[in-house]
C-alpha cells in the first residue's frame, strides 16, 4: 500500500470531518423523503373500502356516489385507506369540493368501525364565507374548530398541510396555520379519503406524505 502524502492526509481529514458534520445535522427521527400517495395515475397505495366510486380523470382523483355514512362510531361508510399506516408525519394535498358537497380526510384511523372516530377527520365541506365550527371545513370533525375559515368557494382548489407529531395536530390551509391541538386518540393508523354521499363530488391531487 502506498503511503499517503501530506495532501492525501489532509483530504482524508476533511472527509472525516464532513461525515461527522453530516451525522450531527441529520434528523433524529425518520428521513426527509416524501412518499407520493397520488400523483395523477394509479391507486396502488390505497385500498377501496365499503363502496362508492373513485375514478382518475385528467390526473385528478374524483370521488362520487358515497355510501352509508352516519355519525355512529361503530359503522363506516365508503372511503379510500392507505395500505400503509402512519404515526408521525406531514401530509400535503390539494382538494376541491362541489357546491353543497361533503367529504373529509382521515388520519391515524383504523380500517374497522368509523375512521372519523377511531382516528381523526379533517372536515371538507362547501363552506366558503361561513364562521368556523367543529362541523365546518378545516375542523377536526366534532372535536375542534379552526381559528380561521380560509377555504375557497366550491369548485376551487385548496392546499392543505396536516402535521401530526406525537400528540400535536396542526392544520395549514392555503398557506396559513388555522388549527393546532393536542389529540388523545390513536397515534397511528391509515390516512383516508372520504366518499360521503351521492350528491357530493370531491377531487384530490398531489397527495404526498413525509414521515417524521
C-alpha atoms as a PDB file:
ATOM      1  CA  UNK A   1       0.000   0.000   0.000  1.00  0.00           C
ATOM      2  CA  UNK A   2       1.336   3.443  -0.866  1.00  0.00           C
ATOM      3  CA  UNK A   3       1.870   5.892   1.976  1.00  0.00           C
ATOM      4  CA  UNK A   4      -0.321   8.991   1.870  1.00  0.00           C
ATOM      5  CA  UNK A   5       1.469  12.249   1.405  1.00  0.00           C
ATOM      6  CA  UNK A   6       0.642  15.382   3.374  1.00  0.00           C
ATOM      7  CA  UNK A   7      -2.014  16.416   0.828  1.00  0.00           C
ATOM      8  CA  UNK A   8      -3.632  12.979   0.967  1.00  0.00           C
ATOM      9  CA  UNK A   9      -3.736  13.052   4.750  1.00  0.00           C
ATOM     10  CA  UNK A  10      -5.334  16.488   4.638  1.00  0.00           C
ATOM     11  CA  UNK A  11      -8.065  15.309   2.237  1.00  0.00           C
ATOM     12  CA  UNK A  12      -8.859  12.329   4.459  1.00  0.00           C
ATOM     13  CA  UNK A  13      -9.106  14.581   7.493  1.00  0.00           C
ATOM     14  CA  UNK A  14     -11.547  16.895   5.708  1.00  0.00           C
ATOM     15  CA  UNK A  15     -13.627  13.909   4.548  1.00  0.00           C
ATOM     16  CA  UNK A  16     -13.941  12.516   8.070  1.00  0.00           C
ATOM     17  CA  UNK A  17     -14.800  15.972   9.410  1.00  0.00           C
ATOM     18  CA  UNK A  18     -17.518  16.329   6.760  1.00  0.00           C
ATOM     19  CA  UNK A  19     -19.008  12.958   7.671  1.00  0.00           C
ATOM     20  CA  UNK A  20     -19.152  13.939  11.331  1.00  0.00           C
ATOM     21  CA  UNK A  21     -20.881  17.223  10.495  1.00  0.00           C
ATOM     22  CA  UNK A  22     -23.405  15.299   8.383  1.00  0.00           C
ATOM     23  CA  UNK A  23     -24.125  12.931  11.277  1.00  0.00           C
ATOM     24  CA  UNK A  24     -24.587  15.785  13.705  1.00  0.00           C
ATOM     25  CA  UNK A  25     -27.083  17.597  11.457  1.00  0.00           C
ATOM     26  CA  UNK A  26     -29.098  14.511  10.452  1.00  0.00           C
ATOM     27  CA  UNK A  27     -32.718  14.407  11.668  1.00  0.00           C
ATOM     28  CA  UNK A  28     -33.293  12.393  14.786  1.00  0.00           C
ATOM     29  CA  UNK A  29     -36.441  10.691  13.504  1.00  0.00           C
ATOM     30  CA  UNK A  30     -37.279   9.340  10.073  1.00  0.00           C
ATOM     31  CA  UNK A  31     -35.992  10.554   6.741  1.00  0.00           C
ATOM     32  CA  UNK A  32     -36.539  13.633   4.635  1.00  0.00           C
ATOM     33  CA  UNK A  33     -38.046  11.897   1.615  1.00  0.00           C
ATOM     34  CA  UNK A  34     -41.632  12.491   0.547  1.00  0.00           C
ATOM     35  CA  UNK A  35     -43.768   9.463  -0.267  1.00  0.00           C
ATOM     36  CA  UNK A  36     -46.146  10.008  -3.170  1.00  0.00           C
ATOM     37  CA  UNK A  37     -49.616   8.659  -2.398  1.00  0.00           C
ATOM     38  CA  UNK A  38     -51.260  10.004  -5.564  1.00  0.00           C
ATOM     39  CA  UNK A  39     -49.624  11.906  -8.429  1.00  0.00           C
ATOM     40  CA  UNK A  40     -52.234  11.580 -11.146  1.00  0.00           C
ATOM     41  CA  UNK A  41     -52.166   7.903 -12.048  1.00  0.00           C
ATOM     42  CA  UNK A  42     -52.790   4.695 -10.170  1.00  0.00           C
ATOM     43  CA  UNK A  43     -54.086   3.847  -6.708  1.00  0.00           C
ATOM     44  CA  UNK A  44     -51.543   1.238  -5.665  1.00  0.00           C
ATOM     45  CA  UNK A  45     -51.064   2.946  -2.297  1.00  0.00           C
ATOM     46  CA  UNK A  46     -54.772   2.723  -1.459  1.00  0.00           C
ATOM     47  CA  UNK A  47     -57.487   0.231  -0.627  1.00  0.00           C
ATOM     48  CA  UNK A  48     -61.119   0.913  -1.529  1.00  0.00           C
ATOM     49  CA  UNK A  49     -63.425   0.253   1.441  1.00  0.00           C
ATOM     50  CA  UNK A  50     -67.228  -0.031   1.591  1.00  0.00           C
ATOM     51  CA  UNK A  51     -68.212   1.062  -1.900  1.00  0.00           C
ATOM     52  CA  UNK A  52     -68.515   4.431  -3.596  1.00  0.00           C
ATOM     53  CA  UNK A  53     -66.997   5.323  -6.970  1.00  0.00           C
ATOM     54  CA  UNK A  54     -63.415   6.524  -7.434  1.00  0.00           C
ATOM     55  CA  UNK A  55     -62.079   7.476 -10.856  1.00  0.00           C
ATOM     56  CA  UNK A  56     -58.968   9.186 -12.191  1.00  0.00           C
ATOM     57  CA  UNK A  57     -59.834  11.956 -14.634  1.00  0.00           C
ATOM     58  CA  UNK A  58     -57.137  14.089 -16.282  1.00  0.00           C
ATOM     59  CA  UNK A  59     -54.744  13.343 -13.447  1.00  0.00           C
ATOM     60  CA  UNK A  60     -57.288  14.114 -10.714  1.00  0.00           C
ATOM     61  CA  UNK A  61     -58.757  11.591  -8.257  1.00  0.00           C
ATOM     62  CA  UNK A  62     -62.548  12.004  -8.156  1.00  0.00           C
ATOM     63  CA  UNK A  63     -64.921  10.507  -5.587  1.00  0.00           C
ATOM     64  CA  UNK A  64     -68.646  10.132  -6.288  1.00  0.00           C
ATOM     65  CA  UNK A  65     -71.679   8.196  -5.047  1.00  0.00           C
ATOM     66  CA  UNK A  66     -70.517   7.734  -1.481  1.00  0.00           C
ATOM     67  CA  UNK A  67     -72.459   5.305   0.667  1.00  0.00           C
ATOM     68  CA  UNK A  68     -73.673   4.629   4.200  1.00  0.00           C
ATOM     69  CA  UNK A  69     -72.083   7.443   6.190  1.00  0.00           C
ATOM     70  CA  UNK A  70     -73.525   8.103   9.644  1.00  0.00           C
ATOM     71  CA  UNK A  71     -72.256   9.565  12.909  1.00  0.00           C
ATOM     72  CA  UNK A  72     -72.338   6.111  14.500  1.00  0.00           C
ATOM     73  CA  UNK A  73     -68.769   5.455  15.770  1.00  0.00           C
ATOM     74  CA  UNK A  74     -69.274   1.719  15.184  1.00  0.00           C
ATOM     75  CA  UNK A  75     -70.120   1.915  11.453  1.00  0.00           C
ATOM     76  CA  UNK A  76     -68.166   3.002   8.390  1.00  0.00           C
ATOM     77  CA  UNK A  77     -69.175   4.395   5.038  1.00  0.00           C
ATOM     78  CA  UNK A  78     -67.153   4.415   1.794  1.00  0.00           C
ATOM     79  CA  UNK A  79     -63.545   5.597   1.815  1.00  0.00           C
ATOM     80  CA  UNK A  80     -60.055   5.003   0.455  1.00  0.00           C
ATOM     81  CA  UNK A  81     -57.498   3.914   3.054  1.00  0.00           C
ATOM     82  CA  UNK A  82     -53.739   3.828   2.648  1.00  0.00           C
ATOM     83  CA  UNK A  83     -52.338   0.311   2.765  1.00  0.00           C
ATOM     84  CA  UNK A  84     -49.525   1.606   4.937  1.00  0.00           C
ATOM     85  CA  UNK A  85     -50.102   3.066   8.391  1.00  0.00           C
ATOM     86  CA  UNK A  86     -48.518   6.302   9.595  1.00  0.00           C
ATOM     87  CA  UNK A  87     -47.882   7.755  13.037  1.00  0.00           C
ATOM     88  CA  UNK A  88     -45.813  10.970  12.929  1.00  0.00           C
ATOM     89  CA  UNK A  89     -45.911  12.705   9.557  1.00  0.00           C
ATOM     90  CA  UNK A  90     -46.604  15.716   7.374  1.00  0.00           C
ATOM     91  CA  UNK A  91     -49.390  15.161   4.836  1.00  0.00           C
ATOM     92  CA  UNK A  92     -49.890  17.540   1.909  1.00  0.00           C
ATOM     93  CA  UNK A  93     -52.656  17.513  -0.687  1.00  0.00           C
ATOM     94  CA  UNK A  94     -54.998  19.670  -2.726  1.00  0.00           C
ATOM     95  CA  UNK A  95     -58.755  19.251  -2.835  1.00  0.00           C
ATOM     96  CA  UNK A  96     -61.846  20.772  -4.414  1.00  0.00           C
ATOM     97  CA  UNK A  97     -65.458  20.122  -3.414  1.00  0.00           C
ATOM     98  CA  UNK A  98     -68.659  20.769  -5.323  1.00  0.00           C
ATOM     99  CA  UNK A  99     -71.480  23.052  -4.201  1.00  0.00           C
ATOM    100  CA  UNK A 100     -73.099  21.675  -1.014  1.00  0.00           C
ATOM    101  CA  UNK A 101     -70.578  18.826  -1.103  1.00  0.00           C
ATOM    102  CA  UNK A 102     -69.203  16.955   1.903  1.00  0.00           C
ATOM    103  CA  UNK A 103     -66.041  14.897   2.353  1.00  0.00           C
ATOM    104  CA  UNK A 104     -63.058  14.573   4.641  1.00  0.00           C
ATOM    105  CA  UNK A 105     -59.515  13.322   5.097  1.00  0.00           C
ATOM    106  CA  UNK A 106     -58.923  10.758   7.828  1.00  0.00           C
ATOM    107  CA  UNK A 107     -55.635  10.186   9.597  1.00  0.00           C
ATOM    108  CA  UNK A 108     -54.386   7.785  12.255  1.00  0.00           C
ATOM    109  CA  UNK A 109     -57.594   5.840  11.575  1.00  0.00           C
ATOM    110  CA  UNK A 110     -58.403   2.146  11.878  1.00  0.00           C
ATOM    111  CA  UNK A 111     -59.981   0.259   8.997  1.00  0.00           C
ATOM    112  CA  UNK A 112     -62.642  -1.119  11.319  1.00  0.00           C
ATOM    113  CA  UNK A 113     -65.575   0.965  12.583  1.00  0.00           C
ATOM    114  CA  UNK A 114     -65.861   4.683  11.760  1.00  0.00           C
ATOM    115  CA  UNK A 115     -62.479   6.215  10.818  1.00  0.00           C
ATOM    116  CA  UNK A 116     -63.628   9.677  11.912  1.00  0.00           C
ATOM    117  CA  UNK A 117     -63.740   8.380  15.484  1.00  0.00           C
ATOM    118  CA  UNK A 118     -61.050   5.680  15.636  1.00  0.00           C
ATOM    119  CA  UNK A 119     -58.637   8.378  14.452  1.00  0.00           C
ATOM    120  CA  UNK A 120     -59.374  11.901  13.245  1.00  0.00           C
ATOM    121  CA  UNK A 121     -61.084  13.590  10.302  1.00  0.00           C
ATOM    122  CA  UNK A 122     -60.229  16.920   8.761  1.00  0.00           C
ATOM    123  CA  UNK A 123     -63.638  18.041   7.564  1.00  0.00           C
ATOM    124  CA  UNK A 124     -64.124  19.072   3.942  1.00  0.00           C
ATOM    125  CA  UNK A 125     -67.322  20.866   3.008  1.00  0.00           C
ATOM    126  CA  UNK A 126     -68.581  23.638   0.766  1.00  0.00           C
ATOM    127  CA  UNK A 127     -68.077  26.254   3.490  1.00  0.00           C
ATOM    128  CA  UNK A 128     -66.836  29.466   1.888  1.00  0.00           C
ATOM    129  CA  UNK A 129     -67.705  32.601   3.880  1.00  0.00           C
ATOM    130  CA  UNK A 130     -69.087  30.823   6.973  1.00  0.00           C
ATOM    131  CA  UNK A 131     -67.932  31.199  10.555  1.00  0.00           C
ATOM    132  CA  UNK A 132     -65.593  28.423  11.729  1.00  0.00           C
ATOM    133  CA  UNK A 133     -67.238  25.487  13.500  1.00  0.00           C
ATOM    134  CA  UNK A 134     -66.477  21.943  14.655  1.00  0.00           C
ATOM    135  CA  UNK A 135     -68.511  20.577  11.726  1.00  0.00           C
ATOM    136  CA  UNK A 136     -67.238  23.043   9.134  1.00  0.00           C
ATOM    137  CA  UNK A 137     -64.368  22.915   6.687  1.00  0.00           C
ATOM    138  CA  UNK A 138     -60.926  22.765   8.249  1.00  0.00           C
ATOM    139  CA  UNK A 139     -62.171  21.399  11.567  1.00  0.00           C
ATOM    140  CA  UNK A 140     -61.078  18.266  13.336  1.00  0.00           C
ATOM    141  CA  UNK A 141     -64.560  16.861  12.882  1.00  0.00           C
ATOM    142  CA  UNK A 142     -66.691  17.198  16.015  1.00  0.00           C
ATOM    143  CA  UNK A 143     -63.593  17.941  18.120  1.00  0.00           C
ATOM    144  CA  UNK A 144     -62.065  21.353  17.336  1.00  0.00           C
ATOM    145  CA  UNK A 145     -62.938  24.277  15.074  1.00  0.00           C
ATOM    146  CA  UNK A 146     -60.254  26.095  13.079  1.00  0.00           C
ATOM    147  CA  UNK A 147     -59.343  29.597  14.177  1.00  0.00           C
ATOM    148  CA  UNK A 148     -59.951  30.900  10.652  1.00  0.00           C
ATOM    149  CA  UNK A 149     -62.054  29.705   7.723  1.00  0.00           C
ATOM    150  CA  UNK A 150     -59.768  30.119   4.709  1.00  0.00           C
ATOM    151  CA  UNK A 151     -61.378  27.674   2.286  1.00  0.00           C
ATOM    152  CA  UNK A 152     -62.162  28.863  -1.228  1.00  0.00           C
ATOM    153  CA  UNK A 153     -65.547  28.769  -3.000  1.00  0.00           C
ATOM    154  CA  UNK A 154     -66.933  25.462  -4.251  1.00  0.00           C
ATOM    155  CA  UNK A 155     -65.020  24.073  -7.218  1.00  0.00           C
ATOM    156  CA  UNK A 156     -61.747  25.879  -6.439  1.00  0.00           C
ATOM    157  CA  UNK A 157     -58.592  24.112  -5.288  1.00  0.00           C
ATOM    158  CA  UNK A 158     -57.390  24.336  -1.694  1.00  0.00           C
ATOM    159  CA  UNK A 159     -53.932  23.380  -0.455  1.00  0.00           C
ATOM    160  CA  UNK A 160     -53.701  21.572   2.897  1.00  0.00           C
ATOM    161  CA  UNK A 161     -50.813  20.538   5.137  1.00  0.00           C
ATOM    162  CA  UNK A 162     -51.561  18.288   8.127  1.00  0.00           C
ATOM    163  CA  UNK A 163     -48.811  17.762  10.675  1.00  0.00           C
ATOM    164  CA  UNK A 164     -49.011  15.019  13.301  1.00  0.00           C
ATOM    165  CA  UNK A 165     -46.122  14.834  15.757  1.00  0.00           C
ATOM    166  CA  UNK A 166     -46.841  12.699  18.810  1.00  0.00           C
ATOM    167  CA  UNK A 167     -49.996  14.271  20.334  1.00  0.00           C
ATOM    168  CA  UNK A 168     -49.645  17.528  18.372  1.00  0.00           C
ATOM    169  CA  UNK A 169     -52.006  18.038  15.412  1.00  0.00           C
ATOM    170  CA  UNK A 170     -51.730  21.093  13.190  1.00  0.00           C
ATOM    171  CA  UNK A 171     -53.631  22.149  10.048  1.00  0.00           C
ATOM    172  CA  UNK A 172     -52.446  24.678   7.486  1.00  0.00           C
ATOM    173  CA  UNK A 173     -54.920  25.659   4.779  1.00  0.00           C
ATOM    174  CA  UNK A 174     -53.917  27.763   1.781  1.00  0.00           C
ATOM    175  CA  UNK A 175     -50.638  28.744   3.405  1.00  0.00           C
ATOM    176  CA  UNK A 176     -51.839  29.718   6.873  1.00  0.00           C
ATOM    177  CA  UNK A 177     -51.931  27.876  10.192  1.00  0.00           C
ATOM    178  CA  UNK A 178     -55.615  27.548  11.128  1.00  0.00           C
ATOM    179  CA  UNK A 179     -55.703  24.878  13.856  1.00  0.00           C
ATOM    180  CA  UNK A 180     -53.414  23.421  16.495  1.00  0.00           C
ATOM    181  CA  UNK A 181     -54.438  20.983  19.206  1.00  0.00           C
ATOM    182  CA  UNK A 182     -53.247  18.066  21.315  1.00  0.00           C
ATOM    183  CA  UNK A 183     -55.003  14.815  20.447  1.00  0.00           C
ATOM    184  CA  UNK A 184     -55.843  11.933  22.764  1.00  0.00           C
ATOM    185  CA  UNK A 185     -56.906   9.273  20.238  1.00  0.00           C
ATOM    186  CA  UNK A 186     -54.814   6.760  18.308  1.00  0.00           C
ATOM    187  CA  UNK A 187     -51.333   7.898  17.325  1.00  0.00           C
ATOM    188  CA  UNK A 188     -51.031   5.525  14.380  1.00  0.00           C
ATOM    189  CA  UNK A 189     -53.274   4.366  11.549  1.00  0.00           C
ATOM    190  CA  UNK A 190     -54.255   4.799   7.922  1.00  0.00           C
ATOM    191  CA  UNK A 191     -54.684   8.018   6.002  1.00  0.00           C
ATOM    192  CA  UNK A 192     -58.058   8.047   4.281  1.00  0.00           C
ATOM    193  CA  UNK A 193     -60.181   9.923   1.749  1.00  0.00           C
ATOM    194  CA  UNK A 194     -63.906  10.040   2.400  1.00  0.00           C
ATOM    195  CA  UNK A 195     -66.513   9.480  -0.299  1.00  0.00           C
ATOM    196  CA  UNK A 196     -69.517  10.839   1.552  1.00  0.00           C
ATOM    197  CA  UNK A 197     -72.791  10.714  -0.394  1.00  0.00           C
ATOM    198  CA  UNK A 198     -74.456  10.661  -3.803  1.00  0.00           C
ATOM    199  CA  UNK A 199     -74.703  14.442  -4.175  1.00  0.00           C
ATOM    200  CA  UNK A 200     -71.049  15.126  -3.241  1.00  0.00           C
ATOM    201  CA  UNK A 201     -68.193  15.184  -5.752  1.00  0.00           C
ATOM    202  CA  UNK A 202     -64.746  15.557  -4.195  1.00  0.00           C
ATOM    203  CA  UNK A 203     -61.471  15.915  -6.082  1.00  0.00           C
ATOM    204  CA  UNK A 204     -57.913  15.327  -4.852  1.00  0.00           C
ATOM    205  CA  UNK A 205     -54.493  15.802  -6.403  1.00  0.00           C
ATOM    206  CA  UNK A 206     -50.801  15.957  -5.429  1.00  0.00           C
ATOM    207  CA  UNK A 207     -51.133  13.795  -2.311  1.00  0.00           C
ATOM    208  CA  UNK A 208     -47.848  13.127  -0.549  1.00  0.00           C
ATOM    209  CA  UNK A 209     -46.636  12.306   2.970  1.00  0.00           C
ATOM    210  CA  UNK A 210     -43.333  12.646   4.802  1.00  0.00           C
ATOM    211  CA  UNK A 211     -42.587  10.599   7.883  1.00  0.00           C
ATOM    212  CA  UNK A 212     -41.184  12.454  10.877  1.00  0.00           C
END
